[in-house]
Amino acid sequence: MIEIYTKPNCSYCVHAKKFMSDNLLEYVEYKLDKDFVRDEVLNKFPTAKTYPIIVIDGNYIGGFTDLKKIHEEKNVQS
């Protein structure tokens, strides 16, 4: 399962969601100040520095660039 933590007016969040949709990747989105507050996400993912915060199968993987890299590496190995 892919989870994405987003915030308003975040271009990388928009790019990440579009990338997932374009690649038929199902995800659950959590929105800052609607589904979580900043302190909650900082406690849950203390190494996260930017948005979006992307989690795959319970493991924090990073942001949009990291998602793209992991997806490309997976497709090369397939």
N, C-alpha and C. Protein backbone atom coordinates (compact mmCIF):
# COMPACT_ATOMS: atom_id res chain seq x y z
N MET A 1 0.83 -1.17 0.00
CA MET A 1 0.00 0.00 0.00
C MET A 1 0.88 1.25 0.00
N ILE A 2 0.48 2.23 -0.78
CA ILE A 2 1.21 3.49 -0.86
C ILE A 2 0.39 4.56 -0.14
N GLU A 3 1.07 5.28 0.74
CA GLU A 3 0.45 6.40 1.44
C GLU A 3 1.25 7.64 1.07
N ILE A 4 0.54 8.75 0.86
CA ILE A 4 1.20 10.00 0.55
C ILE A 4 0.65 11.09 1.47
N TYR A 5 1.54 11.74 2.17
CA TYR A 5 1.19 12.85 3.05
C TYR A 5 1.49 14.13 2.28
N THR A 6 0.46 14.95 2.08
CA THR A 6 0.61 16.14 1.25
C THR A 6 0.27 17.40 2.04
N LYS A 7 0.65 18.54 1.45
CA LYS A 7 0.27 19.83 2.01
C LYS A 7 -0.21 20.71 0.86
N PRO A 8 -1.00 21.73 1.19
CA PRO A 8 -1.52 22.62 0.14
C PRO A 8 -0.40 23.35 -0.59
N ASN A 9 -0.65 23.66 -1.85
CA ASN A 9 0.27 24.46 -2.67
C ASN A 9 1.65 23.83 -2.80
N CYS A 10 1.71 22.52 -2.87
CA CYS A 10 2.97 21.79 -2.98
C CYS A 10 3.07 21.19 -4.38
N SER A 11 3.93 21.75 -5.20
CA SER A 11 4.04 21.25 -6.59
C SER A 11 4.54 19.82 -6.64
N TYR A 12 5.44 19.44 -5.74
CA TYR A 12 5.94 18.06 -5.75
C TYR A 12 4.84 17.08 -5.33
N CYS A 13 3.93 17.53 -4.48
CA CYS A 13 2.79 16.68 -4.10
C CYS A 13 1.91 16.43 -5.32
N VAL A 14 1.66 17.48 -6.09
CA VAL A 14 0.87 17.35 -7.31
C VAL A 14 1.56 16.42 -8.29
N HIS A 15 2.86 16.58 -8.48
CA HIS A 15 3.62 15.71 -9.39
C HIS A 15 3.58 14.26 -8.94
N ALA A 16 3.72 14.03 -7.64
CA ALA A 16 3.71 12.66 -7.11
C ALA A 16 2.37 11.99 -7.35
N LYS A 17 1.29 12.70 -7.09
CA LYS A 17 -0.05 12.12 -7.30
C LYS A 17 -0.30 11.86 -8.78
N LYS A 18 0.14 12.76 -9.64
CA LYS A 18 -0.02 12.55 -11.09
C LYS A 18 0.82 11.34 -11.54
N PHE A 19 2.04 11.24 -11.05
CA PHE A 19 2.90 10.12 -11.39
C PHE A 19 2.25 8.80 -10.99
N MET A 20 1.68 8.75 -9.80
CA MET A 20 1.03 7.52 -9.34
C MET A 20 -0.19 7.20 -10.20
N SER A 21 -0.97 8.19 -10.52
CA SER A 21 -2.14 7.97 -11.38
C SER A 21 -1.72 7.53 -12.77
N ASP A 22 -0.72 8.19 -13.34
CA ASP A 22 -0.23 7.85 -14.68
C ASP A 22 0.30 6.42 -14.75
N ASN A 23 0.85 5.94 -13.63
CA ASN A 23 1.44 4.60 -13.59
C ASN A 23 0.51 3.57 -12.93
N LEU A 24 -0.74 3.95 -12.78
CA LEU A 24 -1.78 3.08 -12.22
C LEU A 24 -1.41 2.53 -10.85
N LEU A 25 -0.78 3.37 -10.04
CA LEU A 25 -0.41 3.00 -8.67
C LEU A 25 -1.49 3.52 -7.72
N GLU A 26 -2.10 2.62 -6.99
CA GLU A 26 -3.12 3.03 -6.04
C GLU A 26 -2.46 3.59 -4.79
N TYR A 27 -3.06 4.64 -4.24
CA TYR A 27 -2.49 5.26 -3.05
C TYR A 27 -3.60 5.86 -2.20
N VAL A 28 -3.24 6.12 -0.94
CA VAL A 28 -4.13 6.81 -0.02
C VAL A 28 -3.45 8.14 0.30
N GLU A 29 -4.21 9.23 0.17
CA GLU A 29 -3.66 10.55 0.44
C GLU A 29 -4.13 11.05 1.81
N TYR A 30 -3.18 11.62 2.56
CA TYR A 30 -3.48 12.28 3.82
C TYR A 30 -3.07 13.74 3.67
N LYS A 31 -3.99 14.65 3.98
CA LYS A 31 -3.75 16.07 3.77
C LYS A 31 -3.46 16.79 5.08
N LEU A 32 -2.41 17.62 5.05
CA LEU A 32 -2.01 18.42 6.20
C LEU A 32 -3.18 19.29 6.65
N ASP A 33 -3.39 19.36 7.94
CA ASP A 33 -4.44 20.14 8.59
C ASP A 33 -5.85 19.64 8.33
N LYS A 34 -5.98 18.57 7.56
CA LYS A 34 -7.29 17.93 7.39
C LYS A 34 -7.23 16.53 8.03
N ASP A 35 -6.22 15.74 7.63
CA ASP A 35 -6.08 14.37 8.11
C ASP A 35 -4.99 14.23 9.18
N PHE A 36 -4.09 15.19 9.24
CA PHE A 36 -3.01 15.16 10.22
C PHE A 36 -2.51 16.58 10.46
N VAL A 37 -1.81 16.76 11.58
CA VAL A 37 -1.15 18.04 11.85
C VAL A 37 0.35 17.83 11.76
N ARG A 38 1.06 18.92 11.56
CA ARG A 38 2.51 18.88 11.32
C ARG A 38 3.26 18.07 12.38
N ASP A 39 2.96 18.29 13.65
CA ASP A 39 3.68 17.58 14.72
C ASP A 39 3.48 16.08 14.66
N GLU A 40 2.29 15.63 14.27
CA GLU A 40 2.03 14.19 14.15
C GLU A 40 2.95 13.55 13.12
N VAL A 41 3.06 14.18 11.96
CA VAL A 41 3.87 13.60 10.90
C VAL A 41 5.37 13.69 11.23
N LEU A 42 5.77 14.75 11.93
CA LEU A 42 7.18 14.86 12.33
C LEU A 42 7.54 13.79 13.36
N ASN A 43 6.61 13.47 14.23
CA ASN A 43 6.85 12.39 15.21
C ASN A 43 6.89 11.03 14.53
N LYS A 44 6.02 10.84 13.55
CA LYS A 44 5.93 9.55 12.86
C LYS A 44 7.10 9.34 11.90
N PHE A 45 7.55 10.42 11.24
CA PHE A 45 8.63 10.34 10.25
C PHE A 45 9.67 11.43 10.55
N PRO A 46 10.47 11.24 11.60
CA PRO A 46 11.40 12.29 12.04
C PRO A 46 12.48 12.65 11.02
N THR A 47 12.77 11.79 10.07
CA THR A 47 13.80 12.11 9.08
C THR A 47 13.23 12.82 7.86
N ALA A 48 11.92 12.92 7.77
CA ALA A 48 11.29 13.59 6.62
C ALA A 48 11.55 15.10 6.72
N LYS A 49 12.01 15.67 5.61
CA LYS A 49 12.33 17.10 5.60
C LYS A 49 11.43 17.89 4.66
N THR A 50 10.78 17.20 3.71
CA THR A 50 9.98 17.89 2.70
C THR A 50 8.69 17.12 2.44
N TYR A 51 7.82 17.74 1.70
CA TYR A 51 6.59 17.09 1.23
C TYR A 51 6.70 16.84 -0.26
N PRO A 52 6.06 15.82 -0.75
CA PRO A 52 5.23 14.86 -0.05
C PRO A 52 6.09 13.88 0.75
N ILE A 53 5.44 13.26 1.71
CA ILE A 53 6.05 12.18 2.46
C ILE A 53 5.39 10.91 1.93
N ILE A 54 6.20 10.03 1.36
CA ILE A 54 5.66 8.83 0.73
C ILE A 54 6.09 7.59 1.50
N VAL A 55 5.10 6.76 1.77
CA VAL A 55 5.30 5.54 2.56
C VAL A 55 4.78 4.36 1.74
N ILE A 56 5.62 3.34 1.58
CA ILE A 56 5.21 2.13 0.86
C ILE A 56 5.28 0.95 1.82
N ASP A 57 4.16 0.28 1.98
CA ASP A 57 4.05 -0.87 2.89
C ASP A 57 4.60 -0.56 4.27
N GLY A 58 4.29 0.63 4.78
CA GLY A 58 4.70 1.03 6.12
C GLY A 58 6.10 1.58 6.23
N ASN A 59 6.85 1.60 5.12
CA ASN A 59 8.23 2.10 5.14
C ASN A 59 8.32 3.45 4.47
N TYR A 60 8.85 4.43 5.18
CA TYR A 60 9.07 5.77 4.61
C TYR A 60 10.14 5.67 3.53
N ILE A 61 9.82 6.11 2.31
CA ILE A 61 10.80 6.01 1.23
C ILE A 61 11.34 7.36 0.81
N GLY A 62 10.70 8.45 1.20
CA GLY A 62 11.14 9.77 0.82
C GLY A 62 10.04 10.55 0.13
N GLY A 63 10.45 11.34 -0.88
CA GLY A 63 9.50 12.18 -1.58
C GLY A 63 9.28 11.75 -3.02
N PHE A 64 8.85 12.70 -3.84
CA PHE A 64 8.52 12.43 -5.24
C PHE A 64 9.70 11.85 -6.01
N THR A 65 10.87 12.46 -5.88
CA THR A 65 12.05 11.99 -6.61
C THR A 65 12.39 10.56 -6.23
N ASP A 66 12.28 10.24 -4.95
CA ASP A 66 12.57 8.88 -4.47
C ASP A 66 11.56 7.88 -5.01
N LEU A 67 10.29 8.28 -5.05
CA LEU A 67 9.25 7.41 -5.61
C LEU A 67 9.55 7.10 -7.07
N LYS A 68 9.88 8.13 -7.83
CA LYS A 68 10.18 7.95 -9.26
C LYS A 68 11.37 7.01 -9.46
N LYS A 69 12.40 7.22 -8.66
CA LYS A 69 13.62 6.40 -8.77
C LYS A 69 13.32 4.94 -8.45
N ILE A 70 12.59 4.69 -7.38
CA ILE A 70 12.25 3.32 -6.98
C ILE A 70 11.40 2.66 -8.06
N HIS A 71 10.44 3.38 -8.61
CA HIS A 71 9.56 2.83 -9.64
C HIS A 71 10.38 2.49 -10.90
N GLU A 72 11.27 3.39 -11.30
CA GLU A 72 12.11 3.14 -12.49
C GLU A 72 13.03 1.94 -12.28
N GLU A 73 13.63 1.83 -11.10
CA GLU A 73 14.52 0.69 -10.80
C GLU A 73 13.74 -0.62 -10.82
N LYS A 74 12.53 -0.59 -10.30
CA LYS A 74 11.70 -1.79 -10.28
C LYS A 74 11.35 -2.22 -11.71
N ASN A 75 11.05 -1.26 -12.58
CA ASN A 75 10.71 -1.59 -13.96
C ASN A 75 11.91 -2.09 -14.76
N VAL A 76 13.09 -1.64 -14.43
CA VAL A 76 14.31 -2.10 -15.11
C VAL A 76 14.58 -3.55 -14.74
N GLN A 77 14.33 -3.91 -13.46
CA GLN A 77 14.60 -5.26 -12.98
C GLN A 77 13.55 -6.25 -13.48
N SER A 78 12.36 -5.78 -13.81
CA SER A 78 11.27 -6.68 -14.24
C SER A 78 11.51 -7.23 -15.62
